[in-house]
Amino acid sequence: MNFKVDQKQMLRDLKGLLSIASTNGDAGAIDEMTPLGKNINDAIDYMLAVGKRFGFETQNLDGCCGIIDMGEGEEMVGVLVHIDTVPVGEGWSVDPFDGTVIDGKVYGRGTNDDKGPAMVALYAMKALKDSGVPVNKRIRLIVGGDEESGTWRCMDRYKETEIIPDYAFSPDASYPVIFAEKGILKIQIHNKTDVTGEDMTLKAGKQINIVPDFAEAEVQGRRFTAKGRPAHAMEPQNGVNALLKLGRELKEAGIVHPFLELLDKANVEGFNIAISDEISGELTINPAIGRVDAQGSRLECDIRYPVTADVDDIVGRIRQSVDPVGYEVDTMQMVPPLYVKKDSPLVQTLLGVYRDITGDRTEPIAIGGGTYARAFDNAVAFGVLFPDEPDMCHQVDEYWSVEDMMINLQIIAGALAALGVSKRGL
């Protein structure tokens, strides 16, 4: 079936959503009604307003999360999206909040992660409604506002009062289907005692799940800087780490400091954590935030570990590695991995829809990213990036092509139709 929507109106609605600076951790005034920031609440309300226009039932859960409901039934199909974004960063060639269209691509922070997919999913619900397909389940779009922090207060708030979907998918990753997501371990490594070495201050990184694109240091009146390229922590190899780059430059300049010795070790070989498994692949590490000041020195790292790995063993190995240079390790956050078998009904249903529409026979994949699929049982990530396409997530000049949006709309609407008319329990 070819699902139809008003493409121009969808792009106008997306442009309006992109204009709201719903940056996680920097989203305006915080109070009892807007605990994640006014702009995040505004972005949730914007999505709900579009949903109301389509005739759907909507609800704002205390400025943390939005609900948009379609249809009725004993079972529920969930679509999990988010409207918070990472910081804009430096070096954009266009206004990151304008939704500028150039050569068929919509530019702006959140176009790909995850405002664009959120709007496309909402329009897919409308397209399904307008198609007349006899859906026998309730379909719920869950619009989160705290995905990028990794703490997911929005999902915690949802679970306090709301129905858990019987099955769900999150268009916040890649195709064909994500059957496994690596575990996420965030750590802080800090000095145990007063540091010795040259008088140095250093600052790099703003968010732990982004490869730092700028780093600066001052040593005895001399200023050093390094520029890199941001990327998502799930694929740090796609970026250039300015912190590690600066560390090398400082050592080459003859600077002696324990923090530089720590940076030398901040990789899978140096920390003795070069492990992998057949299900989800290799462990990766993103040394993201570095600080050296009068209070001491610290390094925050985002580690994505294989689904079969022992997280306590990983932390233990890092502790053994950093102890000789005078540092200790604290665990900031640990998110268990996700693993849904490839032959599960949910994975196979979504895979079938994807293959029918695209003709692509690629097998389900594992990723290092973390999506809302982890928040519920019987949930996986599904879309929106096609195989071999560049990943603009968290990048400068983030964009999403209109062509890909429209293909995704067909896939998401098709998935909702397949799940929405399936037999009970799939």
Protein backbone atom coordinates (compact mmCIF):
# COMPACT_ATOMS: atom_id res chain seq x y z
CA MET A 1 0.00 0.00 0.00
CA ASN A 2 1.18 3.52 -0.80
CA PHE A 3 0.48 5.74 2.21
CA LYS A 4 -0.18 9.40 1.37
CA VAL A 5 0.56 12.61 3.29
CA ASP A 6 0.86 16.31 2.53
CA GLN A 7 4.64 16.51 2.16
CA LYS A 8 4.78 20.31 2.14
CA GLN A 9 2.77 20.54 5.35
CA MET A 10 4.93 17.88 6.99
CA LEU A 11 8.04 19.90 6.17
CA ARG A 12 6.43 23.05 7.54
CA ASP A 13 5.56 21.23 10.75
CA LEU A 14 9.11 19.89 10.99
CA LYS A 15 10.53 23.37 10.43
CA GLY A 16 8.47 24.64 13.35
CA LEU A 17 9.70 21.83 15.60
CA LEU A 18 13.31 22.46 14.62
CA SER A 19 12.95 26.15 15.52
CA ILE A 20 12.55 25.21 19.21
CA ALA A 21 15.99 25.01 20.84
CA SER A 22 15.22 21.93 22.94
CA THR A 23 18.87 21.24 23.78
CA ASN A 24 19.20 18.67 26.53
CA GLY A 25 20.65 20.33 29.61
CA ASP A 26 20.25 23.84 28.19
CA ALA A 27 16.57 24.16 27.33
CA GLY A 28 15.50 27.27 29.19
CA ALA A 29 13.76 27.85 32.49
CA ILE A 30 13.28 24.87 34.81
CA ASP A 31 10.42 24.74 37.30
CA GLU A 32 7.84 22.29 38.63
CA MET A 33 5.90 22.31 35.36
CA THR A 34 8.95 22.19 33.10
CA PRO A 35 11.50 20.00 34.92
CA LEU A 36 13.54 19.40 31.76
CA GLY A 37 13.43 23.03 30.60
CA LYS A 38 10.79 25.26 29.02
CA ASN A 39 11.97 24.59 25.48
CA ILE A 40 11.67 20.83 25.88
CA ASN A 41 8.14 21.27 27.20
CA ASP A 42 7.40 23.58 24.26
CA ALA A 43 8.67 20.98 21.80
CA ILE A 44 6.50 18.30 23.41
CA ASP A 45 3.48 20.62 23.24
CA TYR A 46 4.27 21.36 19.60
CA MET A 47 4.10 17.66 18.74
CA LEU A 48 0.88 17.28 20.73
CA ALA A 49 -0.68 20.20 18.86
CA VAL A 50 0.05 18.52 15.53
CA GLY A 51 -1.40 15.29 16.91
CA LYS A 52 -4.58 17.08 18.02
CA ARG A 53 -4.89 18.58 14.55
CA PHE A 54 -4.94 15.04 13.20
CA GLY A 55 -7.72 14.08 15.60
CA PHE A 56 -5.60 12.04 18.00
CA GLU A 57 -5.85 11.97 21.80
CA THR A 58 -2.88 13.68 23.47
CA GLN A 59 -1.42 14.18 26.93
CA ASN A 60 1.60 16.01 28.37
CA LEU A 61 3.13 14.14 31.31
CA ASP A 62 4.47 16.94 33.50
CA GLY A 63 6.78 18.41 30.88
CA CYS A 64 8.77 15.17 30.66
CA CYS A 65 6.98 13.17 28.02
CA GLY A 66 4.11 13.41 25.55
CA ILE A 67 1.52 10.83 24.49
CA ILE A 68 -0.32 10.75 21.15
CA ASP A 69 -2.90 7.96 20.81
CA MET A 70 -4.66 6.52 17.77
CA GLY A 71 -7.26 3.75 17.66
CA GLU A 72 -8.54 1.29 20.23
CA GLY A 73 -7.84 -2.27 21.29
CA GLU A 74 -6.70 -4.49 24.13
CA GLU A 75 -3.08 -4.43 22.97
CA MET A 76 -0.86 -1.43 22.37
CA VAL A 77 1.83 -0.76 19.77
CA GLY A 78 4.34 1.86 20.90
CA VAL A 79 6.48 4.15 18.76
CA LEU A 80 9.29 5.67 20.82
CA VAL A 81 10.77 9.03 19.77
CA HIS A 82 12.43 12.03 21.40
CA ILE A 83 12.49 15.79 20.78
CA ASP A 84 15.50 16.76 22.90
CA THR A 85 18.79 17.23 21.08
CA VAL A 86 22.50 17.45 21.76
CA PRO A 87 24.16 20.90 21.73
CA VAL A 88 24.61 22.58 18.37
CA GLY A 89 28.39 22.90 18.50
CA GLU A 90 30.57 25.13 16.33
CA GLY A 91 31.05 25.45 12.59
CA TRP A 92 27.56 25.27 11.11
CA SER A 93 27.15 26.68 7.60
CA VAL A 94 23.39 27.22 8.13
CA ASP A 95 21.14 28.26 11.01
CA PRO A 96 20.76 25.03 13.05
CA PHE A 97 17.24 26.04 14.13
CA ASP A 98 15.84 27.13 10.77
CA GLY A 99 15.15 23.88 8.92
CA THR A 100 16.82 25.19 5.78
CA VAL A 101 16.26 23.01 2.70
CA ILE A 102 19.21 22.75 0.30
CA ASP A 103 19.33 20.26 -2.58
CA GLY A 104 16.50 18.21 -1.13
CA LYS A 105 18.03 18.01 2.36
CA VAL A 106 16.57 19.56 5.52
CA TYR A 107 19.33 20.97 7.72
CA GLY A 108 19.04 21.55 11.46
CA ARG A 109 19.87 20.14 14.86
CA GLY A 110 17.55 17.19 15.35
CA THR A 111 16.60 16.60 11.73
CA ASN A 112 18.04 13.10 11.93
CA ASP A 113 18.15 12.62 15.71
CA ASP A 114 15.30 12.59 16.49
CA LYS A 115 12.89 15.43 15.66
CA GLY A 116 12.70 14.47 12.00
CA PRO A 117 11.82 10.82 12.70
CA ALA A 118 9.37 11.94 15.42
CA MET A 119 7.45 14.11 12.96
CA VAL A 120 7.58 11.45 10.25
CA ALA A 121 6.24 8.85 12.70
CA LEU A 122 3.35 11.15 13.62
CA TYR A 123 2.54 11.69 9.96
CA ALA A 124 2.78 7.92 9.42
CA MET A 125 0.06 7.50 12.04
CA LYS A 126 -2.10 10.00 10.17
CA ALA A 127 -1.42 8.26 6.86
CA LEU A 128 -2.45 4.93 8.39
CA LYS A 129 -5.61 6.49 9.81
CA ASP A 130 -6.51 8.04 6.45
CA SER A 131 -5.82 4.77 4.61
CA GLY A 132 -8.73 2.97 6.23
CA VAL A 133 -6.64 -0.06 7.22
CA PRO A 134 -8.67 -1.78 9.99
CA VAL A 135 -6.22 -1.54 12.89
CA ASN A 136 -7.34 -3.55 15.94
CA LYS A 137 -4.82 -2.22 18.45
CA ARG A 138 -4.12 1.12 20.06
CA ILE A 139 -1.10 2.87 18.56
CA ARG A 140 0.76 5.23 20.86
CA LEU A 141 3.49 7.68 19.96
CA ILE A 142 5.57 8.28 23.08
CA VAL A 143 7.46 11.58 22.78
CA GLY A 144 10.35 11.72 25.22
CA GLY A 145 12.24 14.80 26.35
CA ASP A 146 15.33 13.41 28.08
CA GLU A 147 16.94 10.87 25.76
CA GLU A 148 20.27 12.53 25.12
CA SER A 149 21.23 12.76 28.81
CA GLY A 150 21.07 8.99 29.11
CA THR A 151 19.12 9.28 32.37
CA TRP A 152 15.74 9.00 30.65
CA ARG A 153 13.71 10.78 33.31
CA CYS A 154 10.98 10.98 30.69
CA MET A 155 10.65 7.20 30.51
CA ASP A 156 10.70 6.94 34.30
CA ARG A 157 7.83 9.42 34.44
CA TYR A 158 5.93 7.50 31.76
CA LYS A 159 6.20 4.23 33.66
CA GLU A 160 4.83 5.80 36.84
CA THR A 161 1.29 6.06 35.48
CA GLU A 162 1.02 4.77 31.93
CA ILE A 163 0.37 1.48 30.13
CA ILE A 164 3.46 -0.36 28.90
CA PRO A 165 3.21 -1.16 25.17
CA ASP A 166 2.89 -4.84 24.29
CA TYR A 167 5.48 -4.29 21.57
CA ALA A 168 7.27 -1.20 20.39
CA PHE A 169 9.92 0.18 18.11
CA SER A 170 12.07 3.30 18.10
CA PRO A 171 12.95 5.05 14.81
CA ASP A 172 16.17 6.39 16.32
CA ALA A 173 18.90 4.23 14.83
CA SER A 174 19.36 2.25 11.61
CA TYR A 175 17.74 -0.29 9.30
CA PRO A 176 16.94 -3.03 8.78
CA VAL A 177 16.24 -3.87 12.47
CA ILE A 178 18.42 -3.45 15.55
CA PHE A 179 18.25 -6.73 17.46
CA ALA A 180 21.01 -5.84 19.93
CA GLU A 181 22.32 -2.68 21.57
CA LYS A 182 25.60 -2.70 23.45
CA GLY A 183 25.68 -1.92 27.14
CA ILE A 184 26.51 1.64 28.14
CA LEU A 185 29.01 2.39 30.88
CA LYS A 186 29.85 5.97 31.86
CA ILE A 187 32.75 6.48 34.22
CA GLN A 188 34.70 9.29 35.82
CA ILE A 189 38.42 8.83 36.38
CA HIS A 190 39.87 11.31 38.88
CA ASN A 191 43.10 11.81 40.77
CA LYS A 192 43.39 10.07 44.14
CA THR A 193 45.81 12.56 45.67
CA ASP A 194 47.22 15.98 44.87
CA VAL A 195 48.67 15.92 41.38
CA THR A 196 52.28 16.71 40.70
CA GLY A 197 53.63 18.15 37.53
CA GLU A 198 53.59 21.45 35.73
CA ASP A 199 50.99 24.09 36.56
CA MET A 200 48.30 23.33 33.98
CA THR A 201 44.62 23.99 33.35
CA LEU A 202 42.71 22.07 30.71
CA LYS A 203 39.15 21.94 29.44
CA ALA A 204 37.55 19.75 26.79
CA GLY A 205 34.13 18.32 26.02
CA LYS A 206 30.59 19.30 26.96
CA GLN A 207 28.62 16.08 26.73
CA ILE A 208 29.76 12.57 27.49
CA ASN A 209 28.09 10.92 24.49
CA ILE A 210 29.77 13.20 21.95
CA VAL A 211 33.36 13.03 20.71
CA PRO A 212 34.83 16.40 21.83
CA ASP A 213 35.49 18.79 18.96
CA PHE A 214 37.50 21.39 20.88
CA ALA A 215 40.05 21.30 23.68
CA GLU A 216 42.19 23.97 25.31
CA ALA A 217 44.92 24.14 27.91
CA GLU A 218 47.16 26.71 29.55
CA VAL A 219 50.58 25.86 30.91
CA GLN A 220 52.68 28.54 32.58
CA GLY A 221 51.15 31.29 30.47
CA ARG A 222 51.26 29.32 27.21
CA ARG A 223 47.91 28.53 25.57
CA PHE A 224 47.32 25.38 23.55
CA THR A 225 44.21 24.46 21.55
CA ALA A 226 43.10 21.53 19.43
CA LYS A 227 40.15 21.10 17.11
CA GLY A 228 38.46 17.83 16.27
CA ARG A 229 35.26 16.55 14.68
CA PRO A 230 32.21 15.56 16.73
CA ALA A 231 30.54 12.17 16.42
CA HIS A 232 28.24 10.01 18.49
CA ALA A 233 29.92 8.03 21.25
CA MET A 234 28.48 4.82 19.81
CA GLU A 235 30.86 5.23 16.85
CA PRO A 236 33.76 7.34 18.12
CA GLN A 237 35.89 6.30 15.16
CA ASN A 238 33.72 8.55 12.99
CA GLY A 239 35.00 11.64 14.82
CA VAL A 240 38.31 13.23 15.69
CA ASN A 241 38.84 13.49 19.45
CA ALA A 242 40.17 16.98 20.25
CA LEU A 243 41.00 16.01 23.85
CA LEU A 244 43.27 13.15 22.85
CA LYS A 245 44.75 15.31 20.10
CA LEU A 246 45.56 18.06 22.61
CA GLY A 247 47.10 15.53 24.99
CA ARG A 248 49.51 14.37 22.29
CA GLU A 249 50.42 17.96 21.39
CA LEU A 250 51.13 18.85 25.02
CA LYS A 251 53.43 15.84 25.45
CA GLU A 252 55.22 16.70 22.21
CA ALA A 253 55.77 20.20 23.65
CA GLY A 254 57.53 18.61 26.63
CA ILE A 255 54.74 19.18 29.15
CA VAL A 256 54.80 16.72 32.07
CA HIS A 257 51.57 16.03 33.97
CA PRO A 258 49.84 12.87 35.29
CA PHE A 259 46.68 13.72 33.36
CA LEU A 260 48.61 13.44 30.12
CA GLU A 261 49.76 9.98 31.18
CA LEU A 262 46.11 9.11 31.82
CA LEU A 263 45.12 10.33 28.35
CA ASP A 264 47.82 8.09 26.88
CA LYS A 265 46.04 5.11 28.42
CA ALA A 266 42.51 6.20 27.48
CA ASN A 267 41.88 3.60 24.78
CA VAL A 268 40.89 -0.05 24.68
CA GLU A 269 44.49 -1.26 24.66
CA GLY A 270 45.68 1.10 27.38
CA PHE A 271 42.80 0.16 29.67
CA ASN A 272 43.08 -3.55 28.75
CA ILE A 273 39.44 -3.67 27.59
CA ALA A 274 39.86 -4.73 23.96
CA ILE A 275 37.00 -7.25 24.08
CA SER A 276 34.28 -8.28 21.65
CA ASP A 277 31.61 -10.89 20.99
CA GLU A 278 29.93 -12.38 17.93
CA ILE A 279 26.54 -10.84 18.74
CA SER A 280 27.40 -7.16 19.03
CA GLY A 281 31.06 -6.67 18.11
CA GLU A 282 33.86 -4.70 19.75
CA LEU A 283 33.90 -2.54 22.85
CA THR A 284 34.40 1.17 22.11
CA ILE A 285 35.41 4.06 24.33
CA ASN A 286 34.91 7.82 24.03
CA PRO A 287 37.12 9.90 26.36
CA ALA A 288 34.68 12.79 26.24
CA ILE A 289 35.17 15.33 29.03
CA GLY A 290 38.50 16.39 30.45
CA ARG A 291 39.15 18.92 33.19
CA VAL A 292 42.31 20.00 34.98
CA ASP A 293 41.97 22.88 37.45
CA ALA A 294 42.65 23.86 41.04
CA GLN A 295 40.30 21.12 42.29
CA GLY A 296 42.24 18.37 40.53
CA SER A 297 41.87 16.47 37.29
CA ARG A 298 39.21 14.19 35.91
CA LEU A 299 38.28 12.35 32.74
CA GLU A 300 34.77 11.19 31.86
CA CYS A 301 34.41 8.33 29.38
CA ASP A 302 31.47 6.77 27.56
CA ILE A 303 32.03 3.05 26.98
CA ARG A 304 29.82 0.83 24.81
CA TYR A 305 30.42 -2.81 25.71
CA PRO A 306 29.37 -6.11 24.05
CA VAL A 307 26.11 -7.68 25.21
CA THR A 308 27.86 -10.74 26.68
CA ALA A 309 30.57 -8.77 28.53
CA ASP A 310 30.82 -8.50 32.32
CA VAL A 311 30.63 -4.81 33.22
CA ASP A 312 32.26 -5.35 36.63
CA ASP A 313 35.22 -6.97 34.90
CA ILE A 314 35.53 -3.96 32.58
CA VAL A 315 35.56 -1.51 35.49
CA GLY A 316 38.08 -3.67 37.33
CA ARG A 317 40.45 -3.71 34.37
CA ILE A 318 40.28 0.08 34.06
CA ARG A 319 41.00 0.49 37.78
CA GLN A 320 44.08 -1.69 37.48
CA SER A 321 45.26 0.34 34.49
CA VAL A 322 44.90 3.82 36.01
CA ASP A 323 46.05 3.08 39.55
CA PRO A 324 49.78 3.25 38.67
CA VAL A 325 49.38 6.85 37.42
CA GLY A 326 47.50 7.95 40.55
CA TYR A 327 43.87 7.79 39.45
CA GLU A 328 40.72 6.00 40.57
CA VAL A 329 37.43 5.16 38.87
CA ASP A 330 33.82 5.96 39.78
CA THR A 331 30.86 4.54 37.87
CA MET A 332 28.51 7.35 36.81
CA GLN A 333 25.93 5.28 34.96
CA MET A 334 25.46 1.74 33.73
CA VAL A 335 22.73 0.82 31.25
CA PRO A 336 22.38 -2.92 30.54
CA PRO A 337 22.49 -4.07 26.92
CA LEU A 338 19.45 -4.97 24.84
CA TYR A 339 19.17 -8.30 23.05
CA VAL A 340 16.11 -9.58 21.20
CA LYS A 341 16.63 -12.75 19.20
CA LYS A 342 16.66 -12.33 15.44
CA ASP A 343 13.93 -14.93 15.01
CA SER A 344 11.51 -13.22 17.43
CA PRO A 345 8.07 -12.33 15.99
CA LEU A 346 8.68 -8.59 16.49
CA VAL A 347 12.01 -8.57 14.67
CA GLN A 348 10.69 -10.76 11.86
CA THR A 349 7.54 -8.65 11.38
CA LEU A 350 9.51 -5.41 11.13
CA LEU A 351 12.15 -7.02 8.93
CA GLY A 352 9.44 -8.25 6.57
CA VAL A 353 7.97 -4.76 6.20
CA TYR A 354 11.40 -3.25 5.53
CA ARG A 355 12.26 -5.87 2.92
CA ASP A 356 8.91 -5.61 1.15
CA ILE A 357 9.29 -1.85 0.72
CA THR A 358 13.02 -1.55 0.00
CA GLY A 359 13.96 -4.91 -1.50
CA ASP A 360 17.07 -4.86 0.70
CA ARG A 361 17.90 -8.27 2.19
CA THR A 362 20.37 -7.03 4.82
CA GLU A 363 20.23 -9.00 8.06
CA PRO A 364 19.31 -7.43 11.43
CA ILE A 365 22.24 -5.67 13.07
CA ALA A 366 23.68 -4.75 16.47
CA ILE A 367 24.74 -1.19 17.37
CA GLY A 368 26.61 0.69 20.05
CA GLY A 369 23.89 3.28 20.42
CA GLY A 370 21.26 3.28 23.11
CA THR A 371 17.61 3.87 22.21
CA TYR A 372 14.33 4.00 24.11
CA ALA A 373 13.82 0.38 23.08
CA ARG A 374 15.75 -0.51 26.26
CA ALA A 375 12.99 1.09 28.33
CA PHE A 376 10.44 -1.64 27.54
CA ASP A 377 10.30 -5.38 27.08
CA ASN A 378 9.69 -6.59 23.52
CA ALA A 379 11.00 -3.43 21.88
CA VAL A 380 13.69 -2.78 19.27
CA ALA A 381 15.11 0.11 17.28
CA PHE A 382 13.87 0.26 13.68
CA GLY A 383 15.26 2.89 11.29
CA VAL A 384 15.80 5.57 10.20
CA LEU A 385 19.27 5.39 8.66
CA PHE A 386 19.64 3.13 5.63
CA PRO A 387 22.67 0.84 5.21
CA ASP A 388 25.82 2.56 3.89
CA GLU A 389 24.39 6.06 4.36
CA PRO A 390 26.42 8.71 6.22
CA ASP A 391 25.35 9.09 9.83
CA MET A 392 24.72 12.80 10.54
CA CYS A 393 23.63 12.17 14.13
CA HIS A 394 25.27 14.76 16.47
CA GLN A 395 27.24 16.20 13.55
CA VAL A 396 27.74 19.79 12.45
CA ASP A 397 25.32 20.57 9.58
CA GLU A 398 23.09 17.65 10.55
CA TYR A 399 20.56 16.93 7.81
CA TRP A 400 17.97 14.46 6.59
CA SER A 401 16.96 14.17 2.96
CA VAL A 402 13.32 14.64 2.03
CA GLU A 403 13.52 11.49 -0.09
CA ASP A 404 14.60 9.43 2.91
CA MET A 405 11.85 10.98 5.02
CA MET A 406 9.21 9.86 2.56
CA ILE A 407 10.60 6.33 2.30
CA ASN A 408 10.71 6.16 6.09
CA LEU A 409 7.11 7.29 6.26
CA GLN A 410 6.10 4.33 4.09
CA ILE A 411 8.14 1.92 6.23
CA ILE A 412 6.86 3.23 9.58
CA ALA A 413 3.25 3.32 8.40
CA GLY A 414 3.68 -0.18 7.01
CA ALA A 415 5.12 -1.38 10.31
CA LEU A 416 2.21 0.14 12.24
CA ALA A 417 -0.23 -1.54 9.87
CA ALA A 418 1.51 -4.92 10.21
CA LEU A 419 1.67 -4.73 14.00
CA GLY A 420 -1.71 -3.07 14.34
CA VAL A 421 -3.66 -5.78 12.52
CA SER A 422 -1.63 -8.78 13.72
CA LYS A 423 -3.07 -11.49 15.93
CA ARG A 424 -2.89 -11.05 19.69
CA GLY A 425 0.68 -11.42 20.92
CA LEU A 426 1.91 -11.28 17.31
